[in-house]
Amino acid sequence: MMGHTHALSGAAAWLLVAPGLVALPGVTALREIPVLGGLAGDLTPIVANALSPAELVAGAVVCAGAAMLPDLDHPHATIAQTFGPATWVLSKAVNWLSGGHRHMTHSLLFALAAGFGAHLLADGHPIGRDVLVILMIGLALRAVGIGIPGRTMTSAMVNIGLTAAAFILLRAAQVGYLWLGFAIAIGCLAHVIGDCLTERGCPVLWPLRHRWLLPWKIGIKTGRAFEIKILGPLLSVVVLGLFALRLLPSL
């Protein structure tokens, strides 16, 4: 599938499953307990489990970016062009380590490993966490078409500026990242599932080489009319509808 299709599917997947993440520990609030004659002096911690609107939006953007991560094994993919030579060199290295395109990175194992790694960063390594979030924002923006066709370096500079602005807004909104590992894993899984629907399939259970794909050669042909004219617009409508469903009640 094309980059924008993967990014939109990642955002849609996050908005679909985000309500199920309310069991995550959130911001701790404090309240005073009323007793006879007034209020008790003790303060009792209460865990606020729901994701805030800002975290919901941030999660959708991060998940959209994470839905591009498996294509890090493809030096000519959108992800390799996001930040110019830096991401291209990284993509070449991953391509060599994984054995080529649609191998290790297009698997359940990679999605789980990426999610677990992101969780470790979110839990105790704020600098690494912020670098990862910035990368995901940049990937999401590039995937949906932010850039100038045929101008790789100019597009990279535009992407860097917009990514920095978005990250500053998230910092200003005091977004927490306890959900980061889930967003990364969900995005990677959305990519793998999407590519399983194409004519080439994916080695979901890598290192086993068997590729999972639709039978009878009915898989989606990447970049053809169905994906561009039907699937892409349909996913855009789904994402906008889910944003409205999740955010309007909280406004």
C-alpha atoms as a PDB file:
ATOM      1  CA  MET A   1       0.000   0.000   0.000  1.00  0.00           C
ATOM      2  CA  MET A   2       1.002   3.631  -0.469  1.00  0.00           C
ATOM      3  CA  GLY A   3       2.273   5.821   2.351  1.00  0.00           C
ATOM      4  CA  HIS A   4      -0.843   7.920   2.818  1.00  0.00           C
ATOM      5  CA  THR A   5      -3.005   4.776   2.952  1.00  0.00           C
ATOM      6  CA  HIS A   6      -0.832   3.315   5.700  1.00  0.00           C
ATOM      7  CA  ALA A   7      -0.824   6.572   7.669  1.00  0.00           C
ATOM      8  CA  LEU A   8      -4.603   6.978   7.471  1.00  0.00           C
ATOM      9  CA  SER A   9      -5.146   3.348   8.491  1.00  0.00           C
ATOM     10  CA  GLY A  10      -2.854   3.871  11.482  1.00  0.00           C
ATOM     11  CA  ALA A  11      -4.767   6.957  12.609  1.00  0.00           C
ATOM     12  CA  ALA A  12      -8.095   5.150  12.134  1.00  0.00           C
ATOM     13  CA  ALA A  13      -6.864   2.123  14.100  1.00  0.00           C
ATOM     14  CA  TRP A  14      -5.810   4.338  17.012  1.00  0.00           C
ATOM     15  CA  LEU A  15      -9.106   6.204  17.116  1.00  0.00           C
ATOM     16  CA  LEU A  16     -10.965   2.889  17.084  1.00  0.00           C
ATOM     17  CA  VAL A  17      -9.053   1.261  19.950  1.00  0.00           C
ATOM     18  CA  ALA A  18      -8.196   4.316  22.070  1.00  0.00           C
ATOM     19  CA  PRO A  19     -11.327   4.011  24.278  1.00  0.00           C
ATOM     20  CA  GLY A  20     -10.093   0.552  25.259  1.00  0.00           C
ATOM     21  CA  LEU A  21      -6.924   2.068  26.707  1.00  0.00           C
ATOM     22  CA  VAL A  22      -8.749   3.721  29.607  1.00  0.00           C
ATOM     23  CA  ALA A  23      -7.238   1.125  31.939  1.00  0.00           C
ATOM     24  CA  LEU A  24      -3.876   2.829  31.554  1.00  0.00           C
ATOM     25  CA  PRO A  25      -2.818   4.761  34.668  1.00  0.00           C
ATOM     26  CA  GLY A  26      -3.276   8.434  33.943  1.00  0.00           C
ATOM     27  CA  VAL A  27      -2.852  11.710  35.729  1.00  0.00           C
ATOM     28  CA  THR A  28      -3.246  11.459  39.446  1.00  0.00           C
ATOM     29  CA  ALA A  29      -5.738  13.902  40.906  1.00  0.00           C
ATOM     30  CA  LEU A  30      -6.377  14.712  44.537  1.00  0.00           C
ATOM     31  CA  ARG A  31      -9.602  15.290  46.384  1.00  0.00           C
ATOM     32  CA  GLU A  32     -10.630  16.016  49.940  1.00  0.00           C
ATOM     33  CA  ILE A  33     -12.986  13.559  51.637  1.00  0.00           C
ATOM     34  CA  PRO A  34     -16.045  15.148  53.305  1.00  0.00           C
ATOM     35  CA  VAL A  35     -16.703  14.046  56.898  1.00  0.00           C
ATOM     36  CA  LEU A  36     -18.985  15.195  59.687  1.00  0.00           C
ATOM     37  CA  GLY A  37     -18.231  18.768  60.585  1.00  0.00           C
ATOM     38  CA  GLY A  38     -16.214  19.606  57.481  1.00  0.00           C
ATOM     39  CA  LEU A  39     -13.523  18.150  55.250  1.00  0.00           C
ATOM     40  CA  ALA A  40     -10.961  15.605  56.276  1.00  0.00           C
ATOM     41  CA  GLY A  41      -7.362  16.672  56.182  1.00  0.00           C
ATOM     42  CA  ASP A  42      -6.287  13.561  54.261  1.00  0.00           C
ATOM     43  CA  LEU A  43      -5.991  13.731  50.507  1.00  0.00           C
ATOM     44  CA  THR A  44      -6.899  10.611  48.554  1.00  0.00           C
ATOM     45  CA  PRO A  45      -5.313   9.953  45.163  1.00  0.00           C
ATOM     46  CA  ILE A  46      -7.681   9.275  42.294  1.00  0.00           C
ATOM     47  CA  VAL A  47      -6.465   7.897  38.986  1.00  0.00           C
ATOM     48  CA  ALA A  48      -7.923   9.625  35.935  1.00  0.00           C
ATOM     49  CA  ASN A  49      -7.911   6.843  33.362  1.00  0.00           C
ATOM     50  CA  ALA A  50      -9.310   8.490  30.231  1.00  0.00           C
ATOM     51  CA  LEU A  51      -7.036   9.930  27.555  1.00  0.00           C
ATOM     52  CA  SER A  52      -7.332  13.697  27.241  1.00  0.00           C
ATOM     53  CA  PRO A  53      -8.365  15.213  23.866  1.00  0.00           C
ATOM     54  CA  ALA A  54      -4.763  16.345  23.311  1.00  0.00           C
ATOM     55  CA  GLU A  55      -3.472  12.829  24.008  1.00  0.00           C
ATOM     56  CA  LEU A  56      -6.077  11.361  21.664  1.00  0.00           C
ATOM     57  CA  VAL A  57      -4.922  13.644  18.842  1.00  0.00           C
ATOM     58  CA  ALA A  58      -1.252  13.049  19.657  1.00  0.00           C
ATOM     59  CA  GLY A  59      -1.861   9.298  19.652  1.00  0.00           C
ATOM     60  CA  ALA A  60      -3.519   9.445  16.234  1.00  0.00           C
ATOM     61  CA  VAL A  61      -0.569  11.377  14.784  1.00  0.00           C
ATOM     62  CA  VAL A  62       2.007   9.067  16.386  1.00  0.00           C
ATOM     63  CA  CYS A  63       0.099   5.962  15.279  1.00  0.00           C
ATOM     64  CA  ALA A  64      -0.103   7.341  11.737  1.00  0.00           C
ATOM     65  CA  GLY A  65       3.662   7.801  11.769  1.00  0.00           C
ATOM     66  CA  ALA A  66       4.222   4.356  13.276  1.00  0.00           C
ATOM     67  CA  ALA A  67       2.169   2.866  10.447  1.00  0.00           C
ATOM     68  CA  MET A  68       5.071   3.916   8.205  1.00  0.00           C
ATOM     69  CA  LEU A  69       7.795   2.264  10.306  1.00  0.00           C
ATOM     70  CA  PRO A  70       7.749  -1.188   8.653  1.00  0.00           C
ATOM     71  CA  ASP A  71       8.688   0.452   5.334  1.00  0.00           C
ATOM     72  CA  LEU A  72      11.945   1.586   6.894  1.00  0.00           C
ATOM     73  CA  ASP A  73      13.339  -1.441   5.046  1.00  0.00           C
ATOM     74  CA  HIS A  74      12.629   0.254   1.687  1.00  0.00           C
ATOM     75  CA  PRO A  75      15.136   3.016   0.728  1.00  0.00           C
ATOM     76  CA  HIS A  76      12.732   4.380  -1.909  1.00  0.00           C
ATOM     77  CA  ALA A  77       9.667   4.496   0.342  1.00  0.00           C
ATOM     78  CA  THR A  78       8.132   7.664   1.777  1.00  0.00           C
ATOM     79  CA  ILE A  79       9.735   7.086   5.158  1.00  0.00           C
ATOM     80  CA  ALA A  80      13.233   7.147   3.653  1.00  0.00           C
ATOM     81  CA  GLN A  81      12.593  10.627   2.199  1.00  0.00           C
ATOM     82  CA  THR A  82      11.148  12.198   5.356  1.00  0.00           C
ATOM     83  CA  PHE A  83      14.243  13.861   6.805  1.00  0.00           C
ATOM     84  CA  GLY A  84      16.482  13.730   3.745  1.00  0.00           C
ATOM     85  CA  PRO A  85      19.836  11.859   3.884  1.00  0.00           C
ATOM     86  CA  ALA A  86      19.430  10.963   7.580  1.00  0.00           C
ATOM     87  CA  THR A  87      16.384   8.741   7.070  1.00  0.00           C
ATOM     88  CA  TRP A  88      17.716   7.445   3.736  1.00  0.00           C
ATOM     89  CA  VAL A  89      20.905   6.142   5.363  1.00  0.00           C
ATOM     90  CA  LEU A  90      18.871   4.624   8.212  1.00  0.00           C
ATOM     91  CA  SER A  91      16.594   2.951   5.673  1.00  0.00           C
ATOM     92  CA  LYS A  92      19.539   1.473   3.785  1.00  0.00           C
ATOM     93  CA  ALA A  93      20.889   0.025   7.028  1.00  0.00           C
ATOM     94  CA  VAL A  94      17.535  -1.501   8.010  1.00  0.00           C
ATOM     95  CA  ASN A  95      17.100  -2.895   4.493  1.00  0.00           C
ATOM     96  CA  TRP A  96      20.435  -4.698   4.789  1.00  0.00           C
ATOM     97  CA  LEU A  97      19.815  -5.959   8.329  1.00  0.00           C
ATOM     98  CA  SER A  98      16.301  -7.229   7.632  1.00  0.00           C
ATOM     99  CA  GLY A  99      17.129  -8.973   4.369  1.00  0.00           C
ATOM    100  CA  GLY A 100      15.273  -6.649   2.026  1.00  0.00           C
ATOM    101  CA  HIS A 101      11.786  -5.208   1.703  1.00  0.00           C
ATOM    102  CA  ARG A 102       8.830  -6.962   3.373  1.00  0.00           C
ATOM    103  CA  HIS A 103      10.797  -9.261   5.589  1.00  0.00           C
ATOM    104  CA  MET A 104      11.524  -8.768   9.297  1.00  0.00           C
ATOM    105  CA  THR A 105       9.931  -5.333   9.647  1.00  0.00           C
ATOM    106  CA  HIS A 106       6.632  -6.580   8.196  1.00  0.00           C
ATOM    107  CA  SER A 107       5.933  -9.032  10.998  1.00  0.00           C
ATOM    108  CA  LEU A 108       4.148  -9.406  14.303  1.00  0.00           C
ATOM    109  CA  LEU A 109       7.510  -9.740  16.048  1.00  0.00           C
ATOM    110  CA  PHE A 110       8.654  -6.336  14.778  1.00  0.00           C
ATOM    111  CA  ALA A 111       5.395  -4.656  15.853  1.00  0.00           C
ATOM    112  CA  LEU A 112       5.677  -6.086  19.370  1.00  0.00           C
ATOM    113  CA  ALA A 113       9.373  -5.220  19.651  1.00  0.00           C
ATOM    114  CA  ALA A 114       8.787  -1.656  18.437  1.00  0.00           C
ATOM    115  CA  GLY A 115       5.899  -1.195  20.868  1.00  0.00           C
ATOM    116  CA  PHE A 116       7.868  -2.588  23.806  1.00  0.00           C
ATOM    117  CA  GLY A 117      10.877  -0.426  22.967  1.00  0.00           C
ATOM    118  CA  ALA A 118       8.685   2.673  22.774  1.00  0.00           C
ATOM    119  CA  HIS A 119       7.136   1.788  26.140  1.00  0.00           C
ATOM    120  CA  LEU A 120      10.590   1.591  27.734  1.00  0.00           C
ATOM    121  CA  LEU A 121      11.475   5.000  26.310  1.00  0.00           C
ATOM    122  CA  ALA A 122       8.212   6.533  27.523  1.00  0.00           C
ATOM    123  CA  ASP A 123       8.694   5.032  30.961  1.00  0.00           C
ATOM    124  CA  GLY A 124      12.199   6.231  31.759  1.00  0.00           C
ATOM    125  CA  HIS A 125      14.037   7.951  28.915  1.00  0.00           C
ATOM    126  CA  PRO A 126      12.430  11.322  28.108  1.00  0.00           C
ATOM    127  CA  ILE A 127      15.024  12.380  25.544  1.00  0.00           C
ATOM    128  CA  GLY A 128      14.726   9.151  23.583  1.00  0.00           C
ATOM    129  CA  ARG A 129      10.940   9.342  23.903  1.00  0.00           C
ATOM    130  CA  ASP A 130      10.857  12.862  22.497  1.00  0.00           C
ATOM    131  CA  VAL A 131      13.114  11.882  19.591  1.00  0.00           C
ATOM    132  CA  LEU A 132      10.762   9.005  18.777  1.00  0.00           C
ATOM    133  CA  VAL A 133       7.666  11.229  18.967  1.00  0.00           C
ATOM    134  CA  ILE A 134       9.307  13.810  16.698  1.00  0.00           C
ATOM    135  CA  LEU A 135      10.167  11.097  14.176  1.00  0.00           C
ATOM    136  CA  MET A 136       6.581   9.789  14.218  1.00  0.00           C
ATOM    137  CA  ILE A 137       5.154  13.283  13.682  1.00  0.00           C
ATOM    138  CA  GLY A 138       7.498  13.816  10.746  1.00  0.00           C
ATOM    139  CA  LEU A 139       6.555  10.483   9.205  1.00  0.00           C
ATOM    140  CA  ALA A 140       2.851  11.207   9.547  1.00  0.00           C
ATOM    141  CA  LEU A 141       3.167  14.640   7.930  1.00  0.00           C
ATOM    142  CA  ARG A 142       5.270  13.316   5.063  1.00  0.00           C
ATOM    143  CA  ALA A 143       2.932  10.382   4.468  1.00  0.00           C
ATOM    144  CA  VAL A 144      -0.130  12.576   3.994  1.00  0.00           C
ATOM    145  CA  GLY A 145       1.650  14.623   1.357  1.00  0.00           C
ATOM    146  CA  ILE A 146       3.421  17.438   3.203  1.00  0.00           C
ATOM    147  CA  GLY A 147       6.292  18.420   0.938  1.00  0.00           C
ATOM    148  CA  ILE A 148       7.192  19.673  -2.525  1.00  0.00           C
ATOM    149  CA  PRO A 149       7.179  17.094  -5.340  1.00  0.00           C
ATOM    150  CA  GLY A 150      10.637  16.540  -6.797  1.00  0.00           C
ATOM    151  CA  ARG A 151      12.369  18.679  -4.156  1.00  0.00           C
ATOM    152  CA  THR A 152      13.691  16.220  -1.584  1.00  0.00           C
ATOM    153  CA  MET A 153      15.787  18.614   0.509  1.00  0.00           C
ATOM    154  CA  THR A 154      13.205  21.413   0.425  1.00  0.00           C
ATOM    155  CA  SER A 155      10.490  18.958   1.441  1.00  0.00           C
ATOM    156  CA  ALA A 156      12.691  17.730   4.281  1.00  0.00           C
ATOM    157  CA  MET A 157      13.172  21.292   5.576  1.00  0.00           C
ATOM    158  CA  VAL A 158       9.431  21.996   5.398  1.00  0.00           C
ATOM    159  CA  ASN A 159       8.752  18.762   7.242  1.00  0.00           C
ATOM    160  CA  ILE A 160      11.296  19.585   9.942  1.00  0.00           C
ATOM    161  CA  GLY A 161       9.721  22.991  10.549  1.00  0.00           C
ATOM    162  CA  LEU A 162       6.165  21.656  10.766  1.00  0.00           C
ATOM    163  CA  THR A 163       7.251  18.723  12.913  1.00  0.00           C
ATOM    164  CA  ALA A 164       8.978  21.067  15.366  1.00  0.00           C
ATOM    165  CA  ALA A 165       5.877  23.265  15.556  1.00  0.00           C
ATOM    166  CA  ALA A 166       3.619  20.257  16.201  1.00  0.00           C
ATOM    167  CA  PHE A 167       5.915  18.917  18.901  1.00  0.00           C
ATOM    168  CA  ILE A 168       5.999  22.312  20.641  1.00  0.00           C
ATOM    169  CA  LEU A 169       2.194  22.361  20.639  1.00  0.00           C
ATOM    170  CA  LEU A 170       2.123  18.915  22.254  1.00  0.00           C
ATOM    171  CA  ARG A 171       4.563  20.097  24.910  1.00  0.00           C
ATOM    172  CA  ALA A 172       2.431  23.173  25.540  1.00  0.00           C
ATOM    173  CA  ALA A 173      -0.617  20.923  25.965  1.00  0.00           C
ATOM    174  CA  GLN A 174       1.366  18.862  28.526  1.00  0.00           C
ATOM    175  CA  VAL A 175       0.660  15.615  26.709  1.00  0.00           C
ATOM    176  CA  GLY A 176       1.624  12.476  28.637  1.00  0.00           C
ATOM    177  CA  TYR A 177       3.044   9.440  26.840  1.00  0.00           C
ATOM    178  CA  LEU A 178       2.071   6.397  28.881  1.00  0.00           C
ATOM    179  CA  TRP A 179       0.210   5.214  25.768  1.00  0.00           C
ATOM    180  CA  LEU A 180       3.225   5.551  23.426  1.00  0.00           C
ATOM    181  CA  GLY A 181       4.108   1.850  23.247  1.00  0.00           C
ATOM    182  CA  PHE A 182       0.524   0.942  22.359  1.00  0.00           C
ATOM    183  CA  ALA A 183       0.386   3.583  19.603  1.00  0.00           C
ATOM    184  CA  ILE A 184       3.639   2.387  18.030  1.00  0.00           C
ATOM    185  CA  ALA A 185       2.604  -1.279  18.111  1.00  0.00           C
ATOM    186  CA  ILE A 186      -0.887  -0.549  16.765  1.00  0.00           C
ATOM    187  CA  GLY A 187       0.532   1.538  13.922  1.00  0.00           C
ATOM    188  CA  CYS A 188       2.989  -1.184  12.913  1.00  0.00           C
ATOM    189  CA  LEU A 189       0.238  -3.807  13.061  1.00  0.00           C
ATOM    190  CA  ALA A 190      -2.025  -1.632  10.903  1.00  0.00           C
ATOM    191  CA  HIS A 191       0.734  -1.511   8.298  1.00  0.00           C
ATOM    192  CA  VAL A 192       1.255  -5.280   8.368  1.00  0.00           C
ATOM    193  CA  ILE A 193      -2.481  -5.972   8.082  1.00  0.00           C
ATOM    194  CA  GLY A 194      -2.758  -3.489   5.227  1.00  0.00           C
ATOM    195  CA  ASP A 195       0.069  -5.116   3.299  1.00  0.00           C
ATOM    196  CA  CYS A 196      -1.477  -8.551   3.906  1.00  0.00           C
ATOM    197  CA  LEU A 197      -4.421  -7.253   1.871  1.00  0.00           C
ATOM    198  CA  THR A 198      -2.170  -6.548  -1.112  1.00  0.00           C
ATOM    199  CA  GLU A 199      -1.147  -8.974  -3.813  1.00  0.00           C
ATOM    200  CA  ARG A 200       2.298  -9.586  -2.246  1.00  0.00           C
ATOM    201  CA  GLY A 201       1.311 -10.232   1.378  1.00  0.00           C
ATOM    202  CA  CYS A 202       3.590 -10.205   4.438  1.00  0.00           C
ATOM    203  CA  PRO A 203       5.636 -12.726   6.465  1.00  0.00           C
ATOM    204  CA  VAL A 204       3.522 -12.073   9.568  1.00  0.00           C
ATOM    205  CA  LEU A 205       5.193 -14.860  11.573  1.00  0.00           C
ATOM    206  CA  TRP A 206       8.758 -13.994  10.536  1.00  0.00           C
ATOM    207  CA  PRO A 207      11.332 -15.617  10.734  1.00  0.00           C
ATOM    208  CA  LEU A 208       8.974 -18.126   9.090  1.00  0.00           C
ATOM    209  CA  ARG A 209       8.967 -17.227   5.412  1.00  0.00           C
ATOM    210  CA  HIS A 210       5.311 -17.955   4.629  1.00  0.00           C
ATOM    211  CA  ARG A 211       3.530 -14.828   3.422  1.00  0.00           C
ATOM    212  CA  TRP A 212      -0.010 -14.081   4.519  1.00  0.00           C
ATOM    213  CA  LEU A 213      -2.184 -12.683   1.738  1.00  0.00           C
ATOM    214  CA  LEU A 214      -5.697 -12.846   0.374  1.00  0.00           C
ATOM    215  CA  PRO A 215      -6.619 -15.958  -1.659  1.00  0.00           C
ATOM    216  CA  TRP A 216      -7.578 -16.140  -5.351  1.00  0.00           C
ATOM    217  CA  LYS A 217      -5.354 -13.198  -6.245  1.00  0.00           C
ATOM    218  CA  ILE A 218      -7.887 -10.633  -5.024  1.00  0.00           C
ATOM    219  CA  GLY A 219      -5.303  -8.584  -3.127  1.00  0.00           C
ATOM    220  CA  ILE A 220      -5.159  -4.814  -3.546  1.00  0.00           C
ATOM    221  CA  LYS A 221      -2.727  -3.630  -6.216  1.00  0.00           C
ATOM    222  CA  THR A 222      -0.578  -0.880  -4.709  1.00  0.00           C
ATOM    223  CA  GLY A 223      -0.955   2.537  -6.314  1.00  0.00           C
ATOM    224  CA  ARG A 224      -3.790   1.517  -8.635  1.00  0.00           C
ATOM    225  CA  ALA A 225      -7.188   3.165  -9.060  1.00  0.00           C
ATOM    226  CA  PHE A 226      -8.925   1.339  -6.200  1.00  0.00           C
ATOM    227  CA  GLU A 227      -6.404   2.508  -3.611  1.00  0.00           C
ATOM    228  CA  ILE A 228      -6.138   6.069  -4.913  1.00  0.00           C
ATOM    229  CA  LYS A 229      -9.761   6.802  -5.799  1.00  0.00           C
ATOM    230  CA  ILE A 230     -11.708   4.665  -3.325  1.00  0.00           C
ATOM    231  CA  LEU A 231      -9.665   3.348  -0.387  1.00  0.00           C
ATOM    232  CA  GLY A 232      -7.732   6.546   0.326  1.00  0.00           C
ATOM    233  CA  PRO A 233     -10.780   8.868   0.327  1.00  0.00           C
ATOM    234  CA  LEU A 234     -12.788   6.317   2.323  1.00  0.00           C
ATOM    235  CA  LEU A 235     -10.100   6.141   5.021  1.00  0.00           C
ATOM    236  CA  SER A 236      -9.988   9.957   5.142  1.00  0.00           C
ATOM    237  CA  VAL A 237     -13.730  10.070   5.822  1.00  0.00           C
ATOM    238  CA  VAL A 238     -13.379   7.346   8.483  1.00  0.00           C
ATOM    239  CA  VAL A 239     -10.602   9.245  10.263  1.00  0.00           C
ATOM    240  CA  LEU A 240     -12.542  12.520  10.242  1.00  0.00           C
ATOM    241  CA  GLY A 241     -15.672  10.745  11.467  1.00  0.00           C
ATOM    242  CA  LEU A 242     -13.805   9.039  14.296  1.00  0.00           C
ATOM    243  CA  PHE A 243     -12.196  12.316  15.335  1.00  0.00           C
ATOM    244  CA  ALA A 244     -15.665  13.879  15.524  1.00  0.00           C
ATOM    245  CA  LEU A 245     -17.013  10.901  17.467  1.00  0.00           C
ATOM    246  CA  ARG A 246     -14.173  10.965  19.991  1.00  0.00           C
ATOM    247  CA  LEU A 247     -13.631  14.701  20.405  1.00  0.00           C
ATOM    248  CA  LEU A 248     -17.002  16.431  20.062  1.00  0.00           C
ATOM    249  CA  PRO A 249     -18.452  14.934  23.293  1.00  0.00           C
ATOM    250  CA  SER A 250     -15.458  16.310  25.224  1.00  0.00           C
ATOM    251  CA  LEU A 251     -15.748  19.873  23.883  1.00  0.00           C
END
